[in-house]
Protein backbone atom coordinates (compact mmCIF):
# COMPACT_ATOMS: atom_id res chain seq x y z
CA MET A 1 -11.54 -32.65 -2.41
CA GLN A 2 -12.10 -32.85 1.15
CA GLN A 3 -16.02 -31.96 1.84
CA GLY A 4 -16.44 -28.65 2.69
CA LEU A 5 -13.00 -27.62 1.42
CA LEU A 6 -13.21 -25.23 -1.13
CA ALA A 7 -9.39 -24.13 -1.70
CA PRO A 8 -6.56 -26.39 -1.02
CA GLN A 9 -3.43 -25.86 -0.09
CA LYS A 10 -0.87 -27.88 -1.47
CA ARG A 11 2.06 -26.14 0.38
CA LEU A 12 0.44 -25.44 3.81
CA GLY A 13 -2.53 -28.33 3.87
CA THR A 14 -5.33 -27.71 5.54
CA ALA A 15 -3.81 -28.36 8.82
CA GLY A 16 -1.26 -25.29 8.29
CA LEU A 17 -4.15 -22.94 6.83
CA ILE A 18 -6.23 -23.65 9.83
CA ALA A 19 -2.93 -23.22 12.07
CA LEU A 20 -2.26 -19.80 10.06
CA ILE A 21 -5.42 -18.81 10.40
CA THR A 22 -6.15 -19.91 14.37
CA VAL A 23 -2.33 -17.75 15.07
CA LEU A 24 -3.69 -14.82 13.24
CA ASN A 25 -6.96 -14.47 15.40
CA MET A 26 -4.63 -15.29 18.64
CA THR A 27 -2.51 -11.90 17.91
CA ALA A 28 -4.64 -8.82 18.87
CA PRO A 29 -5.60 -10.91 22.56
CA LEU A 30 -1.73 -11.50 22.92
CA SER A 31 -0.63 -8.09 21.49
CA THR A 32 -2.89 -6.48 24.38
CA ASP A 33 -2.32 -8.82 27.45
CA MET A 34 1.37 -9.91 27.28
CA TYR A 35 2.72 -6.87 28.31
CA LEU A 36 -0.13 -5.73 31.09
CA PRO A 37 2.76 -7.64 33.74
CA SER A 38 5.21 -4.46 33.08
CA PHE A 39 3.03 -1.84 33.35
CA PRO A 40 4.23 -0.80 36.59
CA THR A 41 8.18 -1.42 35.40
CA MET A 42 7.09 0.89 32.12
CA MET A 43 5.77 3.39 34.43
CA ASP A 44 8.86 3.86 36.47
CA GLU A 45 11.32 3.54 33.00
CA PHE A 46 9.28 6.10 31.34
CA GLY A 47 8.48 8.19 34.29
CA VAL A 48 4.72 8.03 33.29
CA THR A 49 1.52 8.07 35.03
CA ALA A 50 -1.01 4.98 34.11
CA GLY A 51 -2.93 7.29 32.65
CA VAL A 52 -0.39 8.13 29.41
CA LEU A 53 0.91 4.44 29.56
CA ASN A 54 -2.62 3.41 28.43
CA LEU A 55 -2.62 4.97 25.65
CA THR A 56 -1.01 2.49 24.41
CA LEU A 57 -3.91 0.00 24.92
CA VAL A 58 -6.66 2.46 24.02
CA GLY A 59 -4.32 3.72 20.64
CA PHE A 60 -4.07 0.24 19.92
CA PHE A 61 -7.91 -1.00 20.43
CA PHE A 62 -8.65 2.26 18.05
CA PHE A 63 -6.51 1.47 15.25
CA PHE A 64 -7.18 -2.50 15.66
CA ALA A 65 -10.39 -1.54 14.77
CA VAL A 66 -9.72 1.19 11.64
CA GLY A 67 -7.13 -1.77 10.36
CA MET A 68 -9.96 -4.45 9.64
CA LEU A 69 -12.22 -1.70 7.98
CA VAL A 70 -9.32 -0.50 5.77
CA PHE A 71 -7.33 -4.02 4.93
CA GLY A 72 -10.65 -6.03 4.69
CA PRO A 73 -11.70 -4.06 1.58
CA PHE A 74 -8.52 -4.03 0.00
CA SER A 75 -8.58 -8.01 0.47
CA ASP A 76 -11.53 -8.23 -1.77
CA ARG A 77 -8.95 -5.91 -4.44
CA TYR A 78 -5.38 -7.09 -4.57
CA GLY A 79 -5.85 -10.67 -3.22
CA ARG A 80 -5.92 -12.37 0.03
CA LYS A 81 -2.25 -12.82 -0.04
CA PRO A 82 -0.37 -9.86 -0.77
CA VAL A 83 -2.93 -7.54 1.70
CA LEU A 84 -2.06 -10.30 4.44
CA VAL A 85 1.67 -10.41 3.56
CA ALA A 86 1.74 -6.16 3.94
CA GLY A 87 0.14 -6.66 6.96
CA LEU A 88 2.28 -9.15 8.73
CA GLY A 89 5.35 -7.28 7.48
CA LEU A 90 4.01 -3.84 8.71
CA TYR A 91 3.45 -5.89 12.23
CA LEU A 92 6.43 -7.83 12.77
CA ALA A 93 8.21 -3.71 11.93
CA ALA A 94 6.04 -2.04 14.52
CA SER A 95 6.81 -4.78 16.88
CA LEU A 96 10.60 -4.74 16.43
CA ALA A 97 10.22 -0.90 16.85
CA CYS A 98 8.07 -1.39 20.05
CA ALA A 99 10.65 -3.49 21.47
CA GLY A 100 13.41 -0.37 20.98
CA ALA A 101 10.89 2.91 21.69
CA GLY A 102 13.06 5.14 23.60
CA SER A 103 10.26 7.15 24.90
CA ILE A 104 6.44 6.17 25.67
CA TRP A 105 5.77 9.05 22.48
CA GLN A 106 7.55 6.16 20.72
CA LEU A 107 5.95 3.35 21.61
CA ILE A 108 2.43 4.82 21.71
CA LEU A 109 2.84 5.58 17.40
CA PHE A 110 4.47 2.42 17.11
CA ARG A 111 1.80 0.08 19.11
CA VAL A 112 -0.39 2.18 16.55
CA LEU A 113 1.35 0.94 13.68
CA GLN A 114 1.29 -2.61 15.18
CA ALA A 115 -2.53 -2.62 15.48
CA LEU A 116 -3.28 -1.53 11.84
CA GLY A 117 -1.30 -4.56 11.22
CA ALA A 118 -3.28 -7.31 13.72
CA GLY A 119 -6.37 -5.60 12.50
CA CYS A 120 -5.10 -6.88 8.88
CA MET A 121 -4.58 -10.23 9.76
CA VAL A 122 -7.96 -10.68 11.71
CA SER A 123 -10.03 -9.29 9.11
CA VAL A 124 -7.90 -11.30 5.76
CA SER A 125 -8.06 -14.37 8.54
CA THR A 126 -11.87 -14.19 8.63
CA ALA A 127 -12.44 -13.42 4.91
CA LEU A 128 -10.22 -16.57 4.33
CA VAL A 129 -12.17 -18.77 6.14
CA LYS A 130 -15.18 -17.81 4.25
CA ASP A 131 -12.68 -18.51 0.92
CA CYS A 132 -11.79 -21.75 2.01
CA PHE A 133 -14.17 -23.70 3.64
CA ASP A 134 -17.86 -24.00 3.32
CA GLY A 135 -21.16 -25.16 4.93
CA ARG A 136 -21.00 -27.50 8.50
CA MET A 137 -16.95 -27.63 8.07
CA ARG A 138 -16.65 -23.41 7.99
CA GLY A 139 -18.54 -23.43 11.23
CA THR A 140 -16.54 -26.23 12.93
CA ILE A 141 -13.44 -24.06 12.04
CA LEU A 142 -14.76 -20.83 13.12
CA ALA A 143 -15.60 -22.80 16.43
CA THR A 144 -12.06 -24.12 16.29
CA ILE A 145 -10.40 -20.71 15.93
CA GLN A 146 -12.92 -18.97 18.53
CA SER A 147 -11.80 -21.51 21.56
CA MET A 148 -8.50 -20.60 20.37
CA SER A 149 -8.69 -16.90 21.07
CA VAL A 150 -10.30 -17.54 24.18
CA ILE A 151 -7.75 -19.15 25.52
CA ALA A 152 -4.58 -16.78 24.14
CA PRO A 153 -6.12 -13.92 26.79
CA MET A 154 -6.05 -16.73 29.74
CA LEU A 155 -2.17 -17.49 28.42
CA ALA A 156 -1.00 -14.06 27.51
CA PRO A 157 -0.48 -12.34 31.12
CA ILE A 158 0.91 -15.71 32.58
CA ILE A 159 3.41 -15.39 29.43
CA GLY A 160 4.13 -11.68 30.48
CA ALA A 161 4.69 -12.75 33.53
CA PHE A 162 7.02 -15.24 33.10
CA ILE A 163 8.71 -12.85 30.63
CA VAL A 164 9.25 -9.98 33.22
CA GLN A 165 10.97 -13.12 35.75
CA TYR A 166 13.93 -13.46 33.55
CA ALA A 167 13.99 -10.39 31.05
CA THR A 168 12.54 -6.34 30.31
CA TRP A 169 9.34 -5.91 28.95
CA ARG A 170 11.43 -5.19 25.27
CA THR A 171 11.28 -9.11 25.39
CA THR A 172 7.48 -9.54 25.44
CA PHE A 173 7.63 -7.52 22.25
CA LEU A 174 10.40 -9.54 20.60
CA VAL A 175 8.41 -12.51 21.50
CA LEU A 176 5.36 -11.16 19.76
CA ALA A 177 7.53 -10.30 16.32
CA GLY A 178 8.86 -13.83 16.61
CA ILE A 179 5.49 -15.23 16.44
CA SER A 180 4.36 -12.34 13.26
CA LEU A 181 8.00 -13.61 11.44
CA CYS A 182 6.44 -17.73 11.99
CA SER A 183 3.20 -16.08 10.31
CA LEU A 184 4.76 -14.30 7.53
CA THR A 185 6.93 -17.20 6.53
CA ALA A 186 3.33 -19.28 6.52
CA ALA A 187 2.11 -16.63 4.87
CA LEU A 188 4.57 -16.71 1.75
CA LEU A 189 3.23 -20.15 1.39
CA LEU A 190 -0.43 -19.81 1.29
CA GLN A 191 -1.75 -19.91 -2.44
CA GLU A 192 -4.25 -17.71 -2.66
CA PRO A 193 -7.32 -18.39 -2.78
CA LEU A 194 -9.36 -15.26 -4.69
CA PRO A 195 -9.08 -15.80 -8.23
CA PRO A 196 -8.16 -12.57 -10.58
CA GLY A 197 -11.95 -12.72 -11.78
CA ALA A 198 -13.64 -12.38 -8.52
CA ARG A 199 -11.48 -9.73 -7.21
CA LEU A 200 -13.18 -6.01 -6.85
CA ARG A 201 -11.82 -3.66 -9.66
CA GLY A 202 -11.85 0.13 -9.74
CA PRO A 203 -10.39 3.05 -7.57
CA ILE A 204 -9.17 2.32 -4.33
CA LEU A 205 -11.45 4.31 -2.97
CA GLY A 206 -14.06 2.55 -4.20
CA SER A 207 -12.70 -0.94 -2.34
CA LEU A 208 -13.46 0.87 0.50
CA GLY A 209 -16.62 2.00 -0.60
CA ARG A 210 -17.61 -1.88 -0.90
CA LEU A 211 -18.00 -1.63 2.99
CA PHE A 212 -21.21 0.45 2.92
CA VAL A 213 -22.17 -2.13 0.00
CA VAL A 214 -22.25 -4.84 2.17
CA ALA A 215 -23.83 -2.45 5.42
CA ARG A 216 -26.90 -1.94 3.23
CA ASN A 217 -27.64 -5.88 2.82
CA PRO A 218 -30.60 -6.09 5.47
CA SER A 219 -29.72 -9.78 6.02
CA PHE A 220 -25.92 -8.85 7.03
CA THR A 221 -26.64 -5.30 8.81
CA SER A 222 -29.88 -6.38 10.71
CA LEU A 223 -28.02 -9.71 12.20
CA LEU A 224 -25.25 -8.18 12.85
CA LEU A 225 -26.64 -5.29 14.85
CA VAL A 226 -28.29 -8.31 16.96
CA VAL A 227 -25.28 -10.44 17.67
CA ALA A 228 -22.56 -8.00 17.99
CA LEU A 229 -24.53 -6.61 21.20
CA ILE A 230 -23.51 -9.57 23.28
CA PRO A 231 -19.69 -8.41 23.22
CA ALA A 232 -20.34 -5.81 25.27
CA GLY A 233 -22.03 -7.56 28.26
CA PHE A 234 -18.53 -9.73 28.22
CA MET A 235 -16.18 -7.00 27.55
CA ALA A 236 -17.74 -5.44 30.45
CA TYR A 237 -17.08 -8.16 32.74
CA ILE A 238 -13.21 -7.89 31.16
CA SER A 239 -12.75 -4.82 32.16
CA VAL A 240 -14.43 -4.34 36.20
CA SER A 241 -13.70 -7.70 37.20
CA SER A 242 -11.10 -6.82 38.83
CA TYR A 243 -12.57 -4.79 40.85
CA ILE A 244 -15.28 -6.86 41.85
CA TYR A 245 -12.95 -9.25 43.35
CA GLN A 246 -10.60 -7.85 44.81
CA GLY A 247 -12.18 -4.37 45.61
CA PHE A 248 -15.82 -5.12 46.11
CA PHE A 249 -15.22 -8.91 47.50
CA GLY A 250 -11.99 -8.12 49.09
CA LEU A 251 -10.15 -11.50 46.92
CA SER A 252 -5.97 -11.30 46.86
CA GLU A 253 -4.76 -10.87 43.26
CA THR A 254 -4.12 -15.24 43.21
CA ALA A 255 -7.52 -15.53 44.48
CA TYR A 256 -8.90 -13.59 41.61
CA SER A 257 -6.67 -14.98 38.95
CA LEU A 258 -8.40 -18.05 39.86
CA PHE A 259 -11.91 -17.57 39.59
CA PHE A 260 -11.22 -15.07 36.06
CA ALA A 261 -9.45 -18.54 34.97
CA THR A 262 -12.54 -20.52 35.77
CA ASN A 263 -14.58 -17.79 33.69
CA ALA A 264 -12.21 -18.19 31.09
CA GLY A 265 -12.26 -21.94 31.01
CA VAL A 266 -16.44 -22.00 30.79
CA SER A 267 -16.14 -19.53 27.38
CA VAL A 268 -13.53 -22.14 25.95
CA LEU A 269 -16.49 -24.63 26.31
CA GLY A 270 -18.82 -22.82 23.72
CA PRO A 271 -17.25 -23.10 20.77
CA LEU A 272 -16.74 -26.75 21.23
CA THR A 273 -20.26 -27.25 21.89
CA TYR A 274 -20.77 -25.93 18.53
CA ILE A 275 -18.55 -28.35 16.86
CA ALA A 276 -20.22 -30.82 19.03
CA ILE A 277 -24.04 -29.96 17.87
CA ASN A 278 -23.43 -27.76 14.48
CA ARG A 279 -24.37 -30.68 12.67
CA LYS A 280 -27.76 -31.72 14.63
CA VAL A 281 -29.21 -28.60 16.01
CA PRO A 282 -30.20 -25.78 13.21
CA SER A 283 -28.27 -22.72 13.85
CA ARG A 284 -31.56 -20.65 14.13
CA LEU A 285 -32.10 -22.70 17.92
CA ILE A 286 -28.26 -22.29 18.69
CA ILE A 287 -28.51 -18.54 18.31
CA THR A 288 -31.89 -18.50 20.45
CA GLY A 289 -30.06 -20.53 22.77
CA ALA A 290 -27.43 -18.87 23.24
CA LEU A 291 -29.09 -15.45 23.83
CA GLY A 292 -31.21 -16.98 26.22
CA LEU A 293 -28.29 -17.83 28.19
CA ALA A 294 -26.97 -14.53 28.06
CA LEU A 295 -30.29 -13.01 29.84
CA CYS A 296 -30.24 -15.88 32.69
CA GLY A 297 -26.97 -14.65 33.38
CA GLY A 298 -27.50 -11.10 33.26
CA LEU A 299 -30.39 -11.45 35.18
CA ALA A 300 -28.57 -13.91 38.23
CA VAL A 301 -25.50 -11.23 38.36
CA LEU A 302 -28.41 -8.35 39.33
CA LEU A 303 -30.28 -11.27 41.68
CA LEU A 304 -27.91 -13.13 43.26
CA GLY A 305 -23.98 -11.27 42.29
CA ARG A 306 -23.44 -9.54 45.23
CA THR A 307 -23.89 -11.83 47.71
CA ALA A 308 -20.25 -14.05 47.63
CA PRO A 309 -17.82 -14.12 45.31
CA LEU A 310 -18.75 -17.93 44.36
CA ALA A 311 -22.36 -16.83 43.39
CA PHE A 312 -21.23 -13.79 41.38
CA LEU A 313 -19.19 -16.42 39.40
CA LEU A 314 -21.79 -18.84 39.19
CA SER A 315 -24.29 -16.06 37.86
CA PHE A 316 -22.33 -14.71 35.17
CA ILE A 317 -21.42 -18.71 33.61
CA PRO A 318 -24.05 -18.65 31.79
CA TYR A 319 -23.74 -15.23 29.78
CA SER A 320 -19.51 -16.43 29.23
CA PHE A 321 -21.16 -19.64 27.44
CA GLY A 322 -23.74 -17.77 25.89
CA SER A 323 -21.52 -15.33 24.36
CA SER A 324 -18.95 -18.18 23.45
CA LEU A 325 -21.19 -20.32 21.68
CA ILE A 326 -22.94 -17.56 19.51
CA ARG A 327 -19.98 -16.05 18.18
CA PRO A 328 -19.46 -19.35 15.81
CA VAL A 329 -22.29 -19.56 14.76
CA SER A 330 -23.13 -15.85 14.15
CA THR A 331 -20.03 -15.31 11.84
CA ASN A 332 -20.82 -18.23 9.79
CA THR A 333 -24.20 -17.35 9.19
CA LEU A 334 -23.05 -13.34 8.29
CA LEU A 335 -20.50 -14.69 6.17
CA SER A 336 -23.24 -16.46 4.07
CA GLN A 337 -25.49 -13.60 3.57
CA GLN A 338 -22.94 -12.52 1.54
CA ASP A 339 -22.10 -14.22 -2.15
CA SER A 340 -18.82 -11.34 -2.46
CA ASP A 341 -17.30 -8.74 -0.91
CA THR A 342 -15.78 -11.27 1.69
CA GLY A 343 -13.13 -9.28 2.67
CA SER A 344 -15.65 -6.33 3.65
CA ALA A 345 -17.88 -8.87 5.29
CA SER A 346 -15.02 -9.79 7.86
CA ALA A 347 -13.88 -6.06 8.28
CA LEU A 348 -17.56 -5.03 9.53
CA ILE A 349 -18.31 -8.14 11.51
CA ASN A 350 -15.30 -8.01 13.63
CA PHE A 351 -15.59 -4.25 13.76
CA GLY A 352 -18.76 -4.41 14.48
CA ASN A 353 -18.06 -6.66 17.80
CA THR A 354 -14.97 -5.02 18.84
CA ALA A 355 -17.05 -1.90 18.79
CA MET A 356 -19.81 -3.06 20.92
CA GLY A 357 -17.18 -4.57 23.43
CA SER A 358 -15.69 -0.99 23.78
CA LEU A 359 -19.07 0.37 24.65
CA GLY A 360 -19.36 -2.09 26.83
CA MET A 361 -16.25 -1.18 28.67
CA VAL A 362 -17.28 2.54 28.85
CA LEU A 363 -20.42 1.90 30.18
CA ALA A 364 -19.36 -0.33 32.81
CA ALA A 365 -16.76 2.53 34.51
CA LEU A 366 -19.87 4.27 34.86
CA PRO A 367 -21.07 5.39 38.30
CA TRP A 368 -23.50 2.74 38.97
CA PRO A 369 -24.05 1.93 43.11
CA ASP A 370 -21.42 -0.62 42.51
CA PHE A 371 -19.72 -2.72 39.75
CA VAL A 372 -21.74 -6.00 40.20
CA THR A 373 -24.79 -3.54 39.60
CA GLY A 374 -23.29 -2.17 36.95
CA LEU A 375 -22.14 -5.45 34.90
CA GLY A 376 -25.92 -7.09 35.53
CA THR A 377 -27.43 -4.28 34.29
CA ILE A 378 -25.62 -4.43 31.16
CA ALA A 379 -25.47 -7.69 30.59
CA ALA A 380 -29.17 -8.57 31.01
CA GLY A 381 -30.03 -5.14 29.12
CA CYS A 382 -27.87 -6.22 25.91
CA ALA A 383 -28.81 -9.71 26.28
CA LEU A 384 -32.83 -8.76 26.06
CA LEU A 385 -32.49 -6.36 23.59
CA ALA A 386 -30.39 -9.13 21.46
CA LEU A 387 -33.02 -11.43 22.25
CA LEU A 388 -35.58 -9.04 21.27
CA GLY A 389 -34.48 -8.05 17.89
CA TRP A 390 -33.64 -11.64 17.12
CA ALA A 391 -37.47 -12.60 17.68
CA VAL A 392 -38.21 -9.05 15.04
CA LEU A 393 -35.65 -10.48 13.14
CA LEU A 394 -36.99 -14.30 12.70
CA LEU A 395 -40.82 -12.49 12.15
CA SER A 396 -39.79 -10.09 9.63
CA SER A 397 -39.43 -10.52 5.79
CA ILE A 398 -35.62 -10.18 5.85
CA PRO A 399 -34.28 -13.22 4.44
CA LEU A 400 -31.72 -14.82 6.26
CA ARG A 401 -29.68 -17.86 4.61
CA GLY A 402 -29.18 -20.35 6.90
CA ILE A 403 -31.84 -19.69 9.01
CA LYS A 404 -35.13 -19.42 6.73
CA GLU A 405 -35.14 -21.76 5.25
CA GLY A 406 -36.21 -21.50 1.23
CA LEU A 407 -35.60 -17.91 1.07
CA SER A 408 -31.98 -15.87 0.24
CA SER A 409 -30.41 -12.87 -0.07
CA GLY A 410 -28.41 -10.61 -2.81
CA ASP A 411 -25.30 -8.76 -2.23
C-alpha cells in the first residue's frame, strides 16, 4: 500500500480518486459564479429586479450550508458512496430543471435543490479525504483541493461569459449538469471506504445528533472557532472588491478583472506553499504564520489601502495568502481531532467556514465611511481575534493532535 493511502481504489486509482474529490469541491464556486455574466439577460427574460434574481444566489448559499449539515452525518450512517451518489443525482436533476425553468420562482426552487446536492458533495468529499489518506499525504491532498477551489471562481465567470456569447444562460446549467454527470459516473466506480462495522447505527435523527457529539469535542470546536474567523475577512473582500476598484478608485471593468485575478492568483500560492513546507515546518508554526500574515494584511489595508488601486492590492495580498495557507493545514488538523464521525466533522468544518464567510459579506455591506475602511476593519479584526484565540488555545489545557505533542483528544 502506498504510504499515507488508507483505502486504495482499484477501479478509480489514486489519481482518479483525487480528481473526483477535487471536482466535487469545485462545484460550489462553479454553481455560484458561472451564471453571473448572464444576470442582465435573465432579468430581462424573467422581468424581475436584481433583488429578486439575487434570491437564486442567497437561496443557494443558505441551503448549501444546510446540505452540508444533513448529508455529512448521513454518510457516517449509510456510507460515503450511496450518500454521494444520491447527492450527485439530486444535483444533476436540479441542474437540468434549472436549465428548463419557466419562471424565476421555479428557478429559485430548483437552485435550492441544487444547493442541497452541492452541500452533500462537499461534505462527503472532505470525509473521503479523511477516510482514504493519512498523515502528511492527507495535508498534501487537502492543499491540492484547496488550490483548485481557488482557481474555480477565477475560471467560472470567464466560462460563463464565453457561454453567453454563443448560447443562452440555460446552457450554463446544462454544463453544470454535464460536470455532475461525469462526477456521478466516477462515484459509481468508487469503492466504499467506510466499512459497515464503522458506521453509525440507530434512528436517522440520531445521525444528525452526531453533529452535537462532535461539537462537544473541545479540541475540535475551539480550533474551528479560531480558524473560521479568517474566511469572514476574505469573503468580505469578494463581496465589495468591485465597489472598491470601480466605485472608489474609478477603474474600468477590464482593469478591475485584472486586479481581481492578480489577488486570486496569489491565493493559489497558499496551498502550493503548504505542499512545499508541510513536511519541514510544524503545523503550529504554519497556522501562527498564516494568522500573522492575515493581521498584517488587514492593518495594511487600513493604513495604505485608500491611497491607490495598486496600494490596495498589495495591502490585501498578505491576507489573501494567509487565508489560503491556513485552510489546508487547519482542515487536516481539525479532522485529526476526531477518531469517528468523520462525516459530521467534515460537515461542521465546511459549515463553519461558509457561515463565517457569509457573515463577512453582511458586515462588509454595513454603512462604513467607505468600503476600504470597512474591509480593513473586518480583516484586521477577524485576524486579531483569531490570533488571540490561537494563543489562548495553545496555552490552555485543551489537547490538540498534531499541535501539542504528547496530548490527544477523544471523540
